[in-house]
Protein backbone atom coordinates (compact mmCIF):
# COMPACT_ATOMS: atom_id res chain seq x y z
CA UNK A 1 -0.66 29.91 21.77
CA UNK A 2 2.92 29.17 22.91
CA UNK A 3 4.75 26.15 21.16
CA UNK A 4 5.22 23.68 24.16
CA UNK A 5 7.70 20.82 24.31
CA UNK A 6 6.74 18.46 25.63
CA UNK A 7 2.79 19.57 24.54
CA UNK A 8 1.56 18.61 28.12
CA UNK A 9 2.44 18.67 31.97
CA UNK A 10 3.62 15.06 33.05
CA UNK A 11 1.51 13.53 35.19
CA UNK A 12 4.11 13.43 37.89
CA UNK A 13 4.73 16.80 37.82
CA UNK A 14 3.43 17.15 41.31
CA UNK A 15 3.66 21.17 41.12
CA UNK A 16 0.18 23.20 40.65
CA UNK A 17 2.55 26.42 39.87
CA UNK A 18 3.94 24.96 37.34
CA UNK A 19 1.09 23.37 35.75
CA UNK A 20 -0.88 27.41 36.06
CA UNK A 21 1.81 28.35 34.06
CA UNK A 22 1.71 25.83 31.15
CA UNK A 23 -2.15 26.14 31.05
CA UNK A 24 -1.33 29.92 31.14
CA UNK A 25 1.63 29.74 27.87
CA UNK A 26 -0.18 27.28 26.03
CA UNK A 27 -3.54 29.13 26.01
CA UNK A 28 -2.53 32.90 25.74
CA UNK A 29 -2.54 34.96 22.75
CA UNK A 30 0.05 36.66 23.08
CA UNK A 31 3.47 33.43 23.41
CA UNK A 32 1.12 32.37 19.72
CA UNK A 33 5.21 32.87 18.70
CA UNK A 34 6.93 31.50 21.01
CA UNK A 35 8.56 28.21 21.97
CA UNK A 36 7.91 27.55 25.68
CA UNK A 37 10.24 23.79 26.65
CA UNK A 38 9.90 23.01 30.15
CA UNK A 39 12.12 21.12 32.54
CA UNK A 40 14.91 21.13 31.07
CA UNK A 41 18.05 19.15 33.38
CA UNK A 42 21.26 20.34 32.49
CA UNK A 43 23.65 17.93 33.76
CA UNK A 44 26.89 19.83 33.33
CA UNK A 45 25.43 22.79 35.80
CA UNK A 46 27.89 26.25 35.95
CA UNK A 47 27.73 25.85 40.22
CA UNK A 48 25.88 22.11 41.25
CA UNK A 49 25.98 18.95 39.41
CA UNK A 50 23.21 18.81 38.36
CA UNK A 51 20.64 21.30 37.63
CA UNK A 52 16.61 22.20 36.22
CA UNK A 53 15.09 24.85 34.31
CA UNK A 54 11.32 25.07 34.91
CA UNK A 55 10.83 26.97 31.82
CA UNK A 56 13.13 27.93 28.93
CA UNK A 57 11.44 30.95 27.30
CA UNK A 58 12.95 31.25 23.77
CA UNK A 59 10.77 34.59 22.22
CA UNK A 60 11.31 35.64 18.62
CA UNK A 61 12.09 39.59 18.47
CA UNK A 62 12.83 39.74 22.81
CA UNK A 63 15.54 36.48 23.60
CA UNK A 64 15.90 33.40 26.36
CA UNK A 65 14.67 33.38 29.17
CA UNK A 66 14.78 31.27 31.97
CA UNK A 67 12.25 30.59 34.35
CA UNK A 68 12.70 29.49 38.30
CA UNK A 69 9.20 28.89 39.45
CA UNK A 70 8.27 28.16 43.31
CA UNK A 71 4.75 27.54 44.42
CA UNK A 72 3.31 27.70 47.63
CA UNK A 73 4.41 30.39 50.54
CA UNK A 74 8.08 31.81 50.15
CA UNK A 75 10.13 33.18 52.95
CA UNK A 76 13.68 34.72 53.07
CA UNK A 77 14.67 34.58 56.37
CA UNK A 78 18.66 35.61 57.01
CA UNK A 79 19.11 34.46 53.50
CA UNK A 80 17.72 31.50 53.99
CA UNK A 81 14.74 30.30 51.60
CA UNK A 82 11.82 28.06 53.20
CA UNK A 83 9.27 27.12 50.85
CA UNK A 84 6.52 25.34 52.24
CA UNK A 85 4.03 23.65 50.14
CA UNK A 86 0.21 22.77 50.57
CA UNK A 87 0.97 19.85 52.56
CA UNK A 88 3.06 22.26 55.07
CA UNK A 89 5.59 20.55 54.35
CA UNK A 90 9.06 23.22 54.11
CA UNK A 91 12.15 23.13 52.53
CA UNK A 92 15.34 25.13 52.90
CA UNK A 93 18.00 26.19 51.13
CA UNK A 94 20.65 28.96 51.06
CA UNK A 95 19.95 29.32 46.99
CA UNK A 96 17.40 31.45 46.36
CA UNK A 97 14.94 31.08 43.68
CA UNK A 98 17.11 34.29 41.69
CA UNK A 99 20.53 32.45 41.55
CA UNK A 100 18.82 29.18 40.77
CA UNK A 101 17.63 30.94 37.84
CA UNK A 102 20.92 33.11 36.38
CA UNK A 103 23.67 29.94 37.54
CA UNK A 104 20.71 27.84 34.36
CA UNK A 105 21.17 30.37 32.72
CA UNK A 106 24.83 30.97 32.60
CA UNK A 107 24.73 26.78 31.85
CA UNK A 108 22.61 27.09 29.34
CA UNK A 109 24.60 29.69 27.34
CA UNK A 110 27.47 28.00 27.69
CA UNK A 111 26.21 24.31 26.54
CA UNK A 112 25.41 26.66 23.43
CA UNK A 113 28.72 28.12 23.30
CA UNK A 114 30.33 24.79 23.65
CA UNK A 115 27.66 23.66 20.74
CA UNK A 116 27.67 26.20 18.05
CA UNK A 117 31.18 27.71 18.93
CA UNK A 118 32.70 30.99 20.29
CA UNK A 119 32.60 32.57 17.47
CA UNK A 120 28.60 31.65 16.05
CA UNK A 121 25.49 34.51 16.22
CA UNK A 122 23.80 31.85 18.99
CA UNK A 123 26.37 33.20 21.71
CA UNK A 124 25.05 36.32 21.25
CA UNK A 125 21.81 36.22 22.36
CA UNK A 126 20.45 37.87 25.15
CA UNK A 127 19.70 35.44 27.92
CA UNK A 128 17.29 36.58 30.94
CA UNK A 129 16.02 35.10 33.84
CA UNK A 130 12.98 35.20 36.57
CA UNK A 131 10.86 34.14 39.19
CA UNK A 132 7.70 32.84 39.56
CA UNK A 133 5.73 32.74 43.14
CA UNK A 134 2.24 31.72 41.26
CA UNK A 135 0.56 31.54 45.28
CA UNK A 136 1.64 34.83 46.98
CA UNK A 137 2.47 38.49 46.58
CA UNK A 138 5.84 39.39 46.29
CA UNK A 139 7.11 41.94 47.64
CA UNK A 140 10.84 41.52 48.99
CA UNK A 141 13.66 43.59 47.47
CA UNK A 142 16.98 43.15 47.46
CA UNK A 143 20.37 43.39 45.54
CA UNK A 144 20.10 39.69 43.55
CA UNK A 145 16.93 40.79 41.33
CA UNK A 146 15.03 43.05 40.34
CA UNK A 147 11.03 44.15 41.28
CA UNK A 148 10.67 43.68 37.26
CA UNK A 149 11.69 40.12 37.35
CA UNK A 150 9.42 38.64 39.39
CA UNK A 151 6.31 37.12 38.65
CA UNK A 152 3.76 37.19 41.58
CA UNK A 153 0.64 36.07 42.39
CA UNK A 154 -0.85 39.98 41.90
CA UNK A 155 0.38 39.94 38.23
CA UNK A 156 -1.12 36.50 37.16
CA UNK A 157 -4.67 37.72 38.40
CA UNK A 158 -3.04 41.22 36.37
CA UNK A 159 -2.14 39.12 33.58
CA UNK A 160 0.70 38.17 32.85
CA UNK A 161 1.51 40.28 28.59
CA UNK A 162 2.39 43.24 30.46
CA UNK A 163 5.37 41.83 32.66
CA UNK A 164 6.42 39.27 29.55
CA UNK A 165 6.65 43.22 27.85
CA UNK A 166 7.85 44.94 30.42
CA UNK A 167 10.74 41.97 31.24
CA UNK A 168 11.53 41.13 27.20
CA UNK A 169 12.34 45.09 26.71
CA UNK A 170 14.19 46.03 30.76
CA UNK A 171 16.59 43.78 29.83
CA UNK A 172 17.20 44.66 26.36
CA UNK A 173 18.04 48.26 28.21
CA UNK A 174 20.21 46.79 29.95
CA UNK A 175 22.25 45.38 27.69
CA UNK A 176 22.51 46.98 24.43
CA UNK A 177 25.11 49.02 24.95
CA UNK A 178 27.70 45.92 25.10
CA UNK A 179 30.05 45.43 22.69
CA UNK A 180 28.37 41.73 21.52
CA UNK A 181 24.78 43.42 21.42
CA UNK A 182 23.41 43.83 17.69
CA UNK A 183 19.86 44.17 17.05
CA UNK A 184 20.30 41.23 13.93
CA UNK A 185 21.99 38.57 16.43
CA UNK A 186 20.68 39.58 20.15
CA UNK A 187 17.05 39.60 19.24
CA UNK A 188 16.53 36.44 17.26
CA UNK A 189 14.18 35.68 14.95
CA UNK A 190 11.77 32.46 14.75
CA UNK A 191 14.01 30.52 12.19
CA UNK A 192 16.58 31.04 14.24
CA UNK A 193 14.39 29.86 17.65
CA UNK A 194 13.68 26.34 15.95
CA UNK A 195 17.06 25.80 14.68
CA UNK A 196 17.73 26.10 18.88
CA UNK A 197 15.40 24.96 19.28
CA UNK A 198 16.45 22.05 18.17
CA UNK A 199 19.57 21.56 19.41
CA UNK A 200 17.51 21.57 23.12
CA UNK A 201 14.44 20.35 22.49
CA UNK A 202 16.53 16.96 23.54
CA UNK A 203 16.62 17.35 26.66
CA UNK A 204 13.04 17.95 27.56
CA UNK A 205 11.23 14.94 24.89
CA UNK A 206 12.99 11.62 26.67
CA UNK A 207 13.02 8.34 25.15
CA UNK A 208 13.92 5.30 27.45
CA UNK A 209 15.12 2.37 26.37
CA UNK A 210 13.80 -1.40 26.52
CA UNK A 211 16.62 -1.84 28.99
CA UNK A 212 16.57 0.41 31.40
CA UNK A 213 11.92 0.11 31.09
CA UNK A 214 12.53 -3.02 32.10
CA UNK A 215 15.62 -3.61 34.14
CA UNK A 216 15.34 -0.62 36.46
CA UNK A 217 19.33 -0.61 35.82
CA UNK A 218 20.22 1.58 33.42
CA UNK A 219 20.52 5.42 33.13
CA UNK A 220 21.18 6.26 29.92
CA UNK A 221 19.01 8.21 28.41
CA UNK A 222 18.54 8.24 24.70
CA UNK A 223 16.75 11.33 23.19
CA UNK A 224 14.09 11.49 20.20
CA UNK A 225 16.84 12.11 17.31
CA UNK A 226 15.55 15.35 14.72
CA UNK A 227 13.59 13.45 12.46
CA UNK A 228 11.90 11.99 14.90
CA UNK A 229 10.56 15.56 17.07
CA UNK A 230 9.62 16.42 13.54
CA UNK A 231 7.74 13.69 12.79
CA UNK A 232 5.49 13.94 15.80
CA UNK A 233 5.52 17.28 15.57
CA UNK A 234 4.10 16.82 11.89
CA UNK A 235 1.77 14.27 12.91
CA UNK A 236 -0.31 16.62 15.40
CA UNK A 237 -1.06 18.31 12.26
CA UNK A 238 -2.04 15.06 10.61
CA UNK A 239 -5.27 13.71 11.36
CA UNK A 240 -4.26 10.32 9.25
CA UNK A 241 -0.97 9.07 8.69
CA UNK A 242 1.17 6.57 7.39
CA UNK A 243 4.25 6.75 9.39
CA UNK A 244 6.52 3.89 7.91
CA UNK A 245 10.44 3.23 8.96
CA UNK A 246 12.68 0.30 9.41
CA UNK A 247 13.77 -1.80 11.73
CA UNK A 248 15.48 0.71 15.03
CA UNK A 249 13.87 3.58 13.43
CA UNK A 250 11.46 4.46 16.37
CA UNK A 251 8.19 4.40 15.15
CA UNK A 252 6.72 2.34 18.01
CA UNK A 253 8.03 5.23 20.91
CA UNK A 254 6.46 8.03 18.23
CA UNK A 255 3.40 5.53 17.86
CA UNK A 256 3.67 5.94 22.59
CA UNK A 257 4.19 9.34 22.35
CA UNK A 258 1.25 10.57 20.20
CA UNK A 259 -0.28 8.42 22.20
CA UNK A 260 0.11 10.38 25.26
CA UNK A 261 -0.09 13.64 24.13
CA UNK A 262 -3.60 12.71 22.48
CA UNK A 263 -4.46 11.40 26.13
CA UNK A 264 -3.03 14.81 27.50
CA UNK A 265 -5.73 16.09 25.43
CA UNK A 266 -8.32 14.88 26.65
CA UNK A 267 -8.96 11.88 24.24
CA UNK A 268 -9.80 8.37 24.09
CA UNK A 269 -6.91 6.27 22.64
CA UNK A 270 -6.58 2.55 21.40
CA UNK A 271 -3.09 1.95 20.57
CA UNK A 272 -2.90 -1.35 19.13
CA UNK A 273 0.47 -4.00 17.66
CA UNK A 274 0.50 -7.42 15.95
CA UNK A 275 2.99 -9.35 18.49
CA UNK A 276 1.71 -9.73 21.51
CA UNK A 277 5.19 -9.46 23.94
CA UNK A 278 5.30 -6.16 21.93
CA UNK A 279 2.11 -4.79 23.38
CA UNK A 280 2.96 -6.22 26.39
CA UNK A 281 5.26 -3.98 27.07
CA UNK A 282 4.06 -0.69 25.68
CA UNK A 283 0.83 -1.13 28.22
CA UNK A 284 3.57 -1.28 31.03
CA UNK A 285 4.68 2.60 29.18
CA UNK A 286 2.13 4.04 29.39
CA UNK A 287 0.00 2.77 32.55
CA UNK A 288 -0.30 5.82 33.94
CA UNK A 289 -3.02 6.71 31.21
CA UNK A 290 -5.09 3.95 31.50
CA UNK A 291 -7.84 5.75 31.58
CA UNK A 292 -7.27 7.46 28.52
CA UNK A 293 -5.46 4.22 26.10
CA UNK A 294 -6.70 1.23 25.69
CA UNK A 295 -3.24 -1.16 25.08
CA UNK A 296 -3.42 -4.45 23.43
CA UNK A 297 -2.45 -6.71 20.86
CA UNK A 298 -5.01 -6.96 18.13
CA UNK A 299 -5.94 -10.66 19.00
CA UNK A 300 -5.78 -10.28 22.57
CA UNK A 301 -8.66 -7.39 22.31
CA UNK A 302 -10.51 -9.32 20.36
CA UNK A 303 -10.39 -12.85 22.40
CA UNK A 304 -11.82 -10.04 25.63
CA UNK A 305 -14.06 -8.57 24.11
CA UNK A 306 -15.52 -11.23 22.66
CA UNK A 307 -16.51 -12.30 25.67
CA UNK A 308 -19.71 -12.16 27.37
CA UNK A 309 -21.34 -12.25 23.88
CA UNK A 310 -23.21 -15.29 22.71
CA UNK A 311 -21.67 -16.73 19.91
CA UNK A 312 -20.73 -20.00 18.07
CA UNK A 313 -17.86 -21.04 19.83
CA UNK A 314 -16.84 -23.90 16.94
CA UNK A 315 -15.63 -20.93 15.48
CA UNK A 316 -12.26 -20.55 17.72
CA UNK A 317 -10.54 -23.93 16.20
CA UNK A 318 -11.32 -22.69 12.61
CA UNK A 319 -7.67 -21.11 11.87
CA UNK A 320 -9.59 -18.22 10.49
CA UNK A 321 -11.40 -17.06 13.89
CA UNK A 322 -9.29 -13.65 14.72
CA UNK A 323 -8.71 -12.67 10.96
CA UNK A 324 -12.08 -12.92 9.96
CA UNK A 325 -14.40 -14.21 12.79
CA UNK A 326 -13.90 -12.09 15.74
CA UNK A 327 -12.36 -9.09 13.77
CA UNK A 328 -16.68 -9.02 11.86
CA UNK A 329 -18.27 -9.81 15.17
CA UNK A 330 -16.50 -7.17 16.91
CA UNK A 331 -17.85 -4.41 14.30
CA UNK A 332 -20.56 -5.20 14.99
CA UNK A 333 -21.14 -5.01 17.86
CA UNK A 334 -18.91 -1.40 17.85
CA UNK A 335 -21.41 -0.31 14.82
CA UNK A 336 -24.93 -1.54 17.42
CA UNK A 337 -23.20 1.26 19.87
CA UNK A 338 -22.43 -1.26 22.61
CA UNK A 339 -19.28 -0.78 22.53
CA UNK A 340 -18.51 3.62 22.55
CA UNK A 341 -16.28 4.63 20.16
CA UNK A 342 -12.23 6.27 20.42
CA UNK A 343 -11.40 9.70 19.12
CA UNK A 344 -8.57 8.02 17.80
CA UNK A 345 -6.51 5.17 16.54
CA UNK A 346 -2.94 4.56 16.35
CA UNK A 347 -1.48 0.63 14.88
CA UNK A 348 1.61 -0.22 14.80
CA UNK A 349 3.29 -3.11 13.30
CA UNK A 350 0.80 -2.30 10.75
CA UNK A 351 2.45 -4.17 8.35
CA UNK A 352 0.69 -7.54 9.30
CA UNK A 353 -2.52 -5.52 10.64
CA UNK A 354 -3.65 -4.40 6.81
CA UNK A 355 -6.19 -6.30 5.69
CA UNK A 356 -10.00 -5.96 4.36
CA UNK A 357 -11.29 -7.62 7.61
CA UNK A 358 -9.17 -5.77 9.93
CA UNK A 359 -9.70 -2.12 9.06
CA UNK A 360 -13.09 -2.95 8.47
CA UNK A 361 -13.32 -3.19 12.42
CA UNK A 362 -10.65 -0.04 12.62
CA UNK A 363 -13.52 1.45 11.17
CA UNK A 364 -16.05 0.51 13.43
CA UNK A 365 -14.28 1.95 16.38
CA UNK A 366 -13.17 5.49 15.81
CA UNK A 367 -15.44 8.74 15.25
CA UNK A 368 -15.65 9.51 12.29
CA UNK A 369 -14.69 5.93 11.43
CA UNK A 370 -11.19 5.65 8.92
CA UNK A 371 -12.98 8.25 6.49
CA UNK A 372 -13.38 11.57 8.91
CA UNK A 373 -11.75 9.86 11.80
CA UNK A 374 -8.64 10.45 13.73
CA UNK A 375 -5.67 7.21 13.24
CA UNK A 376 -2.07 6.97 12.98
CA UNK A 377 -0.64 3.93 11.51
CA UNK A 378 3.40 2.93 12.10
CA UNK A 379 5.20 -0.09 9.61
CA UNK A 380 7.82 -1.39 7.77
CA UNK A 381 6.29 -2.72 4.93
CA UNK A 382 10.20 -4.20 3.56
CA UNK A 383 11.47 -7.41 5.77
CA UNK A 384 8.81 -7.23 8.90
CA UNK A 385 6.07 -8.37 7.27
CA UNK A 386 6.32 -11.94 8.00
CA UNK A 387 3.30 -12.10 9.11
CA UNK A 388 1.14 -10.35 5.96
CA UNK A 389 -0.91 -11.80 3.02
CA UNK A 390 -0.93 -9.27 1.12
CA UNK A 391 2.03 -7.33 -0.40
CA UNK A 392 2.58 -3.57 0.01
CA UNK A 393 1.13 -2.38 -2.78
CA UNK A 394 -2.37 -4.36 -2.03
CA UNK A 395 -1.69 -3.26 1.16
CA UNK A 396 -1.82 0.34 0.44
CA UNK A 397 -4.67 0.30 -2.19
CA UNK A 398 -6.88 -0.41 0.31
CA UNK A 399 -5.93 1.72 2.46
CA UNK A 400 -6.47 4.78 -0.28
CA UNK A 401 -10.21 2.84 -0.31
CA UNK A 402 -10.00 4.06 3.57
CA UNK A 403 -10.29 8.10 2.73
CA UNK A 404 -7.07 10.73 2.30
CA UNK A 405 -4.00 10.67 4.81
CA UNK A 406 -0.32 12.26 5.00
CA UNK A 407 3.24 9.64 4.31
CA UNK A 408 5.57 10.24 7.12
CA UNK A 409 9.21 8.60 6.52
CA UNK A 410 12.11 7.38 9.11
CA UNK A 411 15.00 6.75 8.02
CA UNK A 412 18.06 7.04 11.41
CA UNK A 413 18.51 3.82 13.05
CA UNK A 414 18.53 5.09 16.27
CA UNK A 415 18.91 1.54 17.52
CA UNK A 416 22.00 -0.26 16.57
CA UNK A 417 25.66 0.03 16.00
CA UNK A 418 26.96 0.44 12.80
CA UNK A 419 27.91 -2.57 12.76
CA UNK A 420 25.35 -4.64 13.51
CA UNK A 421 23.21 -2.20 11.30
CA UNK A 422 25.44 -3.01 8.42
CA UNK A 423 24.82 -6.41 8.65
CA UNK A 424 22.02 -6.62 8.67
CA UNK A 425 20.92 -5.20 5.49
CA UNK A 426 24.29 -7.47 4.46
CA UNK A 427 22.81 -10.37 5.30
CA UNK A 428 18.97 -9.93 5.03
CA UNK A 429 20.03 -8.49 1.05
CA UNK A 430 19.29 -5.52 0.79
CA UNK A 431 22.02 -3.42 -1.40
CA UNK A 432 22.64 -1.10 0.59
CA UNK A 433 20.52 0.03 4.13
CA UNK A 434 17.31 0.93 4.02
CA UNK A 435 18.23 3.01 6.68
CA UNK A 436 20.90 6.38 8.06
CA UNK A 437 22.87 5.05 10.12
CA UNK A 438 23.65 6.79 13.06
CA UNK A 439 27.49 7.22 14.56
CA UNK A 440 26.83 4.47 17.08
CA UNK A 441 30.01 2.65 17.23
CA UNK A 442 30.31 -0.76 18.72
CA UNK A 443 31.40 -4.60 18.57
CA UNK A 444 31.85 -6.33 15.61
CA UNK A 445 28.85 -8.81 15.01
CA UNK A 446 30.34 -12.48 15.43
CA UNK A 447 29.21 -15.92 13.03
CA UNK A 448 30.44 -19.39 14.08
CA UNK A 449 29.57 -22.22 11.49
CA UNK A 450 28.58 -25.87 13.68
CA UNK A 451 28.26 -28.86 11.98
CA UNK A 452 25.84 -30.62 13.10
CA UNK A 453 23.23 -30.27 16.30
CA UNK A 454 25.97 -31.21 19.16
CA UNK A 455 28.47 -28.76 17.38
CA UNK A 456 26.16 -26.09 17.57
CA UNK A 457 25.39 -26.80 21.10
CA UNK A 458 28.96 -26.62 22.19
CA UNK A 459 29.39 -23.42 20.35
CA UNK A 460 26.21 -21.83 22.12
CA UNK A 461 27.44 -22.94 25.49
CA UNK A 462 31.13 -21.63 24.50
CA UNK A 463 29.14 -17.82 24.14
CA UNK A 464 27.26 -17.92 26.93
CA UNK A 465 29.82 -19.11 29.01
CA UNK A 466 32.63 -16.03 27.41
CA UNK A 467 28.94 -13.58 27.97
CA UNK A 468 29.10 -14.61 31.29
CA UNK A 469 33.18 -14.50 32.38
CA UNK A 470 32.21 -10.93 31.39
CA UNK A 471 29.50 -10.34 33.42
CA UNK A 472 27.11 -10.00 31.25
CA UNK A 473 23.75 -9.88 33.25
CA UNK A 474 21.95 -12.62 31.81
CA UNK A 475 18.67 -10.60 31.16
CA UNK A 476 20.18 -8.74 28.79
CA UNK A 477 21.26 -11.55 25.76
CA UNK A 478 18.11 -12.95 24.47
CA UNK A 479 19.19 -16.16 22.60
CA UNK A 480 16.22 -16.34 18.92
CA UNK A 481 15.74 -18.41 16.66
CA UNK A 482 12.58 -19.27 13.94
CA UNK A 483 11.85 -22.60 15.39
CA UNK A 484 10.13 -22.82 18.27
CA UNK A 485 11.69 -23.11 21.75
CA UNK A 486 11.47 -27.63 21.60
CA UNK A 487 12.71 -27.90 18.48
CA UNK A 488 15.86 -25.19 18.77
CA UNK A 489 18.94 -25.89 20.23
CA UNK A 490 18.51 -24.24 22.98
CA UNK A 491 15.63 -26.87 24.56
CA UNK A 492 17.37 -29.43 26.83
CA UNK A 493 20.73 -26.89 27.23
CA UNK A 494 22.89 -28.34 30.22
CA UNK A 495 25.41 -25.91 31.03
CA UNK A 496 22.76 -22.88 31.43
CA UNK A 497 19.41 -22.55 32.32
CA UNK A 498 17.41 -21.47 29.37
CA UNK A 499 13.60 -20.66 29.40
CA UNK A 500 10.73 -18.86 27.13
CA UNK A 501 9.75 -15.50 27.55
CA UNK A 502 6.68 -15.48 27.96
CA UNK A 503 5.76 -12.06 29.53
CA UNK A 504 7.82 -9.45 29.06
CA UNK A 505 9.76 -8.85 32.44
CA UNK A 506 9.48 -12.00 33.83
CA UNK A 507 13.44 -12.70 34.44
CA UNK A 508 15.25 -10.58 36.45
CA UNK A 509 18.31 -9.25 36.48
CA UNK A 510 19.03 -11.52 39.05
CA UNK A 511 18.32 -14.39 38.12
CA UNK A 512 20.60 -17.24 36.32
CA UNK A 513 18.53 -17.69 33.34
CA UNK A 514 18.31 -16.67 29.73
CA UNK A 515 16.48 -15.51 27.40
CA UNK A 516 14.37 -17.26 24.91
CA UNK A 517 12.19 -16.35 22.07
CA UNK A 518 11.71 -16.87 18.06
CA UNK A 519 12.57 -14.25 16.10
CA UNK A 520 8.38 -13.70 15.57
CA UNK A 521 7.80 -13.60 18.95
CA UNK A 522 10.76 -10.61 19.50
CA UNK A 523 9.51 -8.52 16.53
CA UNK A 524 8.60 -5.04 17.70
CA UNK A 525 11.17 -6.08 20.94
CA UNK A 526 14.81 -5.19 21.62
CA UNK A 527 17.61 -6.68 23.61
CA UNK A 528 21.10 -4.99 24.71
CA UNK A 529 23.01 -9.08 22.60
CA UNK A 530 21.56 -11.18 20.43
CA UNK A 531 22.07 -14.63 19.48
CA UNK A 532 20.40 -16.12 17.18
CA UNK A 533 20.48 -20.16 16.07
CA UNK A 534 19.54 -22.70 14.45
CA UNK A 535 20.12 -20.53 10.67
CA UNK A 536 19.62 -23.17 8.16
CA UNK A 537 18.83 -20.84 4.94
CA UNK A 538 20.22 -17.48 3.87
CA UNK A 539 19.09 -17.27 1.03
CA UNK A 540 14.93 -18.01 0.38
CA UNK A 541 13.25 -14.84 1.04
CA UNK A 542 11.77 -16.20 4.45
CA UNK A 543 14.52 -16.62 5.43
CA UNK A 544 15.97 -13.20 5.23
CA UNK A 545 12.66 -11.33 6.79
CA UNK A 546 13.34 -13.60 9.83
CA UNK A 547 17.48 -12.51 9.65
CA UNK A 548 16.42 -8.77 8.90
CA UNK A 549 13.67 -9.04 12.36
CA UNK A 550 15.73 -10.76 14.65
CA UNK A 551 19.10 -9.16 14.36
CA UNK A 552 17.49 -5.65 13.85
CA UNK A 553 16.49 -6.54 17.61
CA UNK A 554 20.41 -6.40 18.79
CA UNK A 555 21.82 -2.48 20.07
CA UNK A 556 25.15 -3.41 21.02
CA UNK A 557 26.41 -7.55 20.12
CA UNK A 558 25.02 -9.53 18.12
CA UNK A 559 26.02 -13.69 17.74
CA UNK A 560 25.20 -16.47 14.89
CA UNK A 561 25.58 -19.95 14.74
CA UNK A 562 25.12 -20.66 11.37
CA UNK A 563 25.00 -24.33 9.89
CA UNK A 564 28.29 -25.26 7.98
CA UNK A 565 26.14 -26.22 5.15
CA UNK A 566 25.27 -22.61 4.61
CA UNK A 567 29.29 -21.26 4.36
CA UNK A 568 29.37 -20.74 0.16
CA UNK A 569 25.95 -18.45 0.24
CA UNK A 570 28.07 -16.59 3.47
CA UNK A 571 30.67 -15.97 0.80
CA UNK A 572 28.43 -15.35 -1.97
CA UNK A 573 27.48 -12.62 0.48
CA UNK A 574 30.40 -11.30 1.99
CA UNK A 575 31.85 -10.89 -2.28
CA UNK A 576 28.65 -8.54 -3.20
CA UNK A 577 30.11 -6.37 0.28
CA UNK A 578 32.96 -6.10 -1.16
CA UNK A 579 31.70 -5.28 -4.69
């Protein structure tokens, strides 16, 4: 089978023709060395402001081919194309599918030339285009295309291998006399196409930022880094894996994407984490797959699953109710076959969930158990293990007892600006950043020192007023503190309305309310602007961990309110930076 990117058809894809061709590429033996990308958006189209390639075929020894798919009934009358879908809805266009494919091909070639330079061997690759009509026999002739550029219902029924062989040979025959053509460079091998794929694939596999998903007004799309793409590919080849990465390296997004890929293959998935807010957020991201993916923070899942069972309710008041009693209860339920086991387990925030009782529960929940089952764990075991009761070494010893697994490491920070990443590393006590920073330039991190509660409230008010006057939407800033809301400087604040965030997406963009959360509860989330208040410790290990978590939530702007008594501690940190 071909290497398909993405490896599944999006549920929002309404084209039955595209679905049919996707399955052909996926299940055909002759495509086994091909790379096929589905629905590539081209922002700078040669003819129109926006274009889309239905399928892009990267064929070793054959070249690169743009395919335009037209499902349903297709007619061309007096130069006007008529496309009728299965609901008998008809759309018309003066631009035919062959011209669409050809224009997209030139756009793609221009993009590659701009990226790699005019003299690069990739600019000599053979390009071709064709159109597919999977529901009809298309026997119309035109000067716009050759008959061998038509893949229709008749060809599909007979078998498509012959069509593609003829397509490639005809394009080679057509261009081999050109000065730029050479067998070595124009008919690329698998290594060349894999290298080119990393440039192209970001337009296929896209991650929407939290801002975009929650506020629905930010149209910027952040692409997966090349590193994330490689790990996503590698995870598919390993039944069990642990992926480590510092804050902002994309662990949660990879976990979500992996869950969707498994669900697209028909697997049932349990996607879990420690933090309630991030659990709610992930649940929204995979809502359309809710029949296959169960998403919840582990404690919420334990509580919900225990409902209806007769157990000692007096245990709920005990400190180990969630850490020992409920995990043991649920383990017994799964072992007895009362609840159906999952095909795959994916754990985010693994640094807070690796302990014996939870691992025993996970072992009972998945087919094959931890030793032979399909599972992935993602975590930051350096500074984000603020709920863990075990050191990193002991956590990994427990995992080793559960069976063999592959290790992966994410190094590139794709969330924070360079300034935020460097300051986070400095304040949280790292000798050097525990991640590689992308070249995302932003504004300087701001530090303010307060001399008491009243002074801190004054500074908080001034900064909120300043941001408000700059037209920053209220929901673009989150105020964090290591203290609970009632004990923080944000409580009983008179200048602006500040409310505690209890559910994701709680505050609309139009509401004049600033959100507040504890650093602990906001772990795993992010916001364009973060303000951290009530900073009364810079040196203890727990303080460094909380600052690391809090500061790394900020994508663009970061403001810290620090007690005046810590000014000397801050100066010492600056000295270390200068040294």
